[in-house]
C-alpha atoms as a PDB file:
ATOM      1  CA  MET A   1       6.040   1.369  19.171  1.00  0.00           C
ATOM      2  CA  LYS A   2       8.906   2.061  21.573  1.00  0.00           C
ATOM      3  CA  ARG A   3       9.530  -1.666  21.904  1.00  0.00           C
ATOM      4  CA  HIS A   4      10.104  -1.994  18.138  1.00  0.00           C
ATOM      5  CA  ALA A   5      12.460   0.970  18.180  1.00  0.00           C
ATOM      6  CA  LEU A   6      14.383  -0.552  21.076  1.00  0.00           C
ATOM      7  CA  ILE A   7      14.775  -3.849  19.213  1.00  0.00           C
ATOM      8  CA  PHE A   8      15.829  -2.069  16.017  1.00  0.00           C
ATOM      9  CA  TRP A   9      18.460   0.135  17.667  1.00  0.00           C
ATOM     10  CA  SER A  10      19.852  -2.722  19.720  1.00  0.00           C
ATOM     11  CA  ALA A  11      20.250  -4.753  16.496  1.00  0.00           C
ATOM     12  CA  VAL A  12      21.978  -1.793  14.829  1.00  0.00           C
ATOM     13  CA  LEU A  13      24.259  -1.376  17.850  1.00  0.00           C
ATOM     14  CA  LEU A  14      25.187  -5.072  17.796  1.00  0.00           C
ATOM     15  CA  ALA A  15      25.876  -4.925  14.046  1.00  0.00           C
ATOM     16  CA  VAL A  16      28.156  -1.913  14.461  1.00  0.00           C
ATOM     17  CA  PHE A  17      29.920  -3.617  17.373  1.00  0.00           C
ATOM     18  CA  GLY A  18      30.445  -6.732  15.225  1.00  0.00           C
ATOM     19  CA  LEU A  19      31.865  -4.697  12.353  1.00  0.00           C
ATOM     20  CA  VAL A  20      34.221  -2.744  14.601  1.00  0.00           C
ATOM     21  CA  SER A  21      35.438  -5.857  16.414  1.00  0.00           C
ATOM     22  CA  GLY A  22      35.906  -7.681  13.105  1.00  0.00           C
ATOM     23  CA  LEU A  23      37.921  -4.796  11.706  1.00  0.00           C
ATOM     24  CA  ALA A  24      40.037  -4.669  14.862  1.00  0.00           C
ATOM     25  CA  THR A  25      40.867  -8.388  14.843  1.00  0.00           C
ATOM     26  CA  SER A  26      41.353  -9.271  11.179  1.00  0.00           C
ATOM     27  CA  GLY A  27      41.327  -5.935   9.346  1.00  0.00           C
ATOM     28  CA  LEU A  28      39.658  -5.671   5.945  1.00  0.00           C
ATOM     29  CA  ASN A  29      39.518  -9.461   5.582  1.00  0.00           C
ATOM     30  CA  SER A  30      36.459  -9.437   7.832  1.00  0.00           C
ATOM     31  CA  LEU A  31      34.506  -7.475   5.200  1.00  0.00           C
ATOM     32  CA  LYS A  32      34.707 -10.278   2.584  1.00  0.00           C
ATOM     33  CA  GLY A  33      31.439 -11.736   3.815  1.00  0.00           C
ATOM     34  CA  PHE A  34      29.657  -8.408   3.247  1.00  0.00           C
ATOM     35  CA  VAL A  35      30.700  -7.890  -0.373  1.00  0.00           C
ATOM     36  CA  VAL A  36      28.047 -10.100  -2.020  1.00  0.00           C
ATOM     37  CA  PRO A  37      25.047  -8.823   0.013  1.00  0.00           C
ATOM     38  CA  VAL A  38      26.083  -5.188  -0.437  1.00  0.00           C
ATOM     39  CA  VAL A  39      26.575  -5.596  -4.210  1.00  0.00           C
ATOM     40  CA  LEU A  40      23.232  -7.419  -4.490  1.00  0.00           C
ATOM     41  CA  PHE A  41      21.510  -4.676  -2.507  1.00  0.00           C
ATOM     42  CA  LEU A  42      23.043  -1.969  -4.707  1.00  0.00           C
ATOM     43  CA  VAL A  43      22.022  -3.737  -7.923  1.00  0.00           C
ATOM     44  CA  LEU A  44      18.440  -4.173  -6.709  1.00  0.00           C
ATOM     45  CA  PHE A  45      18.295  -0.578  -5.526  1.00  0.00           C
ATOM     46  CA  LEU A  46      19.570   0.740  -8.864  1.00  0.00           C
ATOM     47  CA  LEU A  47      17.103  -1.444 -10.783  1.00  0.00           C
ATOM     48  CA  TYR A  48      14.304  -0.118  -8.594  1.00  0.00           C
ATOM     49  CA  LYS A  49      15.402   3.494  -8.920  1.00  0.00           C
ATOM     50  CA  PHE A  50      16.258   3.356 -12.649  1.00  0.00           C
ATOM     51  CA  PRO A  51      14.246   0.521 -14.229  1.00  0.00           C
ATOM     52  CA  PRO A  52      15.076  -0.656 -17.764  1.00  0.00           C
ATOM     53  CA  ARG A  53      13.153   1.189 -20.468  1.00  0.00           C
ATOM     54  CA  ARG A  54      11.154  -1.800 -21.637  1.00  0.00           C
ATOM     55  CA  PHE A  55       9.684  -2.191 -18.123  1.00  0.00           C
ATOM     56  CA  ALA A  56       9.467   1.486 -17.198  1.00  0.00           C
ATOM     57  CA  GLY A  57       6.569   2.330 -19.491  1.00  0.00           C
ATOM     58  CA  SER A  58       8.217   5.393 -20.996  1.00  0.00           C
ATOM     59  CA  GLY A  59      11.157   5.534 -23.328  1.00  0.00           C
ATOM     60  CA  SER A  60      12.468   6.896 -26.580  1.00  0.00           C
ATOM     61  CA  ARG A  61      11.818   3.706 -28.584  1.00  0.00           C
ATOM     62  CA  ARG A  62       8.188   3.467 -27.593  1.00  0.00           C
ATOM     63  CA  GLN A  63       5.657   2.786 -30.294  1.00  0.00           C
ATOM     64  CA  PRO A  64       3.059   5.535 -30.650  1.00  0.00           C
ATOM     65  CA  LYS A  65      -0.359   4.735 -29.246  1.00  0.00           C
ATOM     66  CA  ILE A  66      -3.106   4.489 -31.803  1.00  0.00           C
ATOM     67  CA  LYS A  67      -6.236   6.282 -30.694  1.00  0.00           C
ATOM     68  CA  VAL A  68      -9.454   4.540 -31.588  1.00  0.00           C
ATOM     69  CA  LYS A  69     -12.525   6.699 -32.006  1.00  0.00           C
ATOM     70  CA  PRO A  70     -15.544   5.073 -30.346  1.00  0.00           C
ATOM     71  CA  SER A  71     -18.587   4.466 -32.503  1.00  0.00           C
ATOM     72  CA  GLN A  72     -21.813   6.416 -32.158  1.00  0.00           C
ATOM     73  CA  LYS A  73     -23.484   3.339 -30.725  1.00  0.00           C
ATOM     74  CA  THR A  74     -20.857   3.084 -27.985  1.00  0.00           C
ATOM     75  CA  LEU A  75     -21.117   6.791 -27.178  1.00  0.00           C
ATOM     76  CA  ALA A  76     -24.907   6.506 -26.908  1.00  0.00           C
ATOM     77  CA  LYS A  77     -24.578   3.490 -24.643  1.00  0.00           C
ATOM     78  CA  VAL A  78     -22.143   5.264 -22.325  1.00  0.00           C
ATOM     79  CA  ALA A  79     -24.332   8.370 -22.225  1.00  0.00           C
ATOM     80  CA  GLY A  80     -27.359   6.228 -21.352  1.00  0.00           C
ATOM     81  CA  MET A  81     -25.470   4.556 -18.521  1.00  0.00           C
ATOM     82  CA  ARG A  82     -24.483   7.921 -17.087  1.00  0.00           C
ATOM     83  CA  LYS A  83     -28.055   9.181 -17.122  1.00  0.00           C
ATOM     84  CA  SER A  84     -29.484   6.081 -15.421  1.00  0.00           C
ATOM     85  CA  GLN A  85     -27.140   6.283 -12.415  1.00  0.00           C
ATOM     86  CA  PRO A  86     -28.810   7.924  -9.408  1.00  0.00           C
ATOM     87  CA  PRO A  87     -27.157  11.005  -7.963  1.00  0.00           C
ATOM     88  CA  ALA A  88     -24.778  10.237  -5.119  1.00  0.00           C
ATOM     89  CA  GLY A  89     -26.314  12.743  -2.707  1.00  0.00           C
ATOM     90  CA  LYS A  90     -29.766  11.158  -2.436  1.00  0.00           C
ATOM     91  CA  ARG A  91     -30.485   8.257  -0.131  1.00  0.00           C
ATOM     92  CA  LYS A  92     -32.259   5.175  -1.304  1.00  0.00           C
ATOM     93  CA  THR A  93     -35.486   4.135   0.353  1.00  0.00           C
ATOM     94  CA  TYR A  94     -35.610   0.530   1.452  1.00  0.00           C
ATOM     95  CA  PRO A  95     -38.775  -1.468   2.182  1.00  0.00           C
ATOM     96  CA  PHE A  96     -37.489  -2.397   5.642  1.00  0.00           C
ATOM     97  CA  ARG A  97     -38.755  -1.005   8.909  1.00  0.00           C
ATOM     98  CA  VAL A  98     -37.728  -1.335  12.524  1.00  0.00           C
ATOM     99  CA  ILE A  99     -40.019  -3.312  14.775  1.00  0.00           C
ATOM    100  CA  GLU A 100     -39.683  -2.209  18.362  1.00  0.00           C
ATOM    101  CA  GLY A 101     -39.300  -5.089  20.797  1.00  0.00           C
ATOM    102  CA  SER A 102     -40.667  -5.246  24.308  1.00  0.00           C
ATOM    103  CA  LYS A 103     -37.975  -7.417  25.904  1.00  0.00           C
ATOM    104  CA  GLY A 104     -36.037  -5.653  28.642  1.00  0.00           C
ATOM    105  CA  LYS A 105     -37.477  -2.255  27.851  1.00  0.00           C
ATOM    106  CA  ASN A 106     -37.182   0.131  30.760  1.00  0.00           C
ATOM    107  CA  GLU A 107     -38.177   3.720  30.102  1.00  0.00           C
ATOM    108  CA  ASP A 108     -36.452   5.026  33.244  1.00  0.00           C
ATOM    109  CA  GLU A 109     -32.966   3.960  32.113  1.00  0.00           C
ATOM    110  CA  GLN A 110     -31.452   5.867  29.240  1.00  0.00           C
ATOM    111  CA  LEU A 111     -27.936   4.456  29.598  1.00  0.00           C
ATOM    112  CA  PRO A 112     -26.801   1.129  28.157  1.00  0.00           C
ATOM    113  CA  LYS A 113     -26.386  -1.707  30.668  1.00  0.00           C
ATOM    114  CA  TYR A 114     -22.671  -2.370  30.107  1.00  0.00           C
ATOM    115  CA  HIS A 115     -21.206   1.141  29.914  1.00  0.00           C
END
């Protein structure tokens, strides 16, 4: 983590050094190359922060949602599905069982071999 921070701050330091040296040698003419990226960044940031209403999902010209009442058959089906689900707290029983092996079994050793 410290390595990434070191790389980041050294890049920031070099960028600041480049800006200061560019301003010292050619004044504000050195900032012409930064105008397009900065404007593009600002436009993208503003679109992210304040999206257009048609993409935002909420707005004043939104059409009202029509609520559809589910039929009795659908309600019965959903209720039946809820009843048939097992409760989350109980454990399922599986038809599997553990068969103890005899290979390398040593009752004196309780610790694993590689720890």
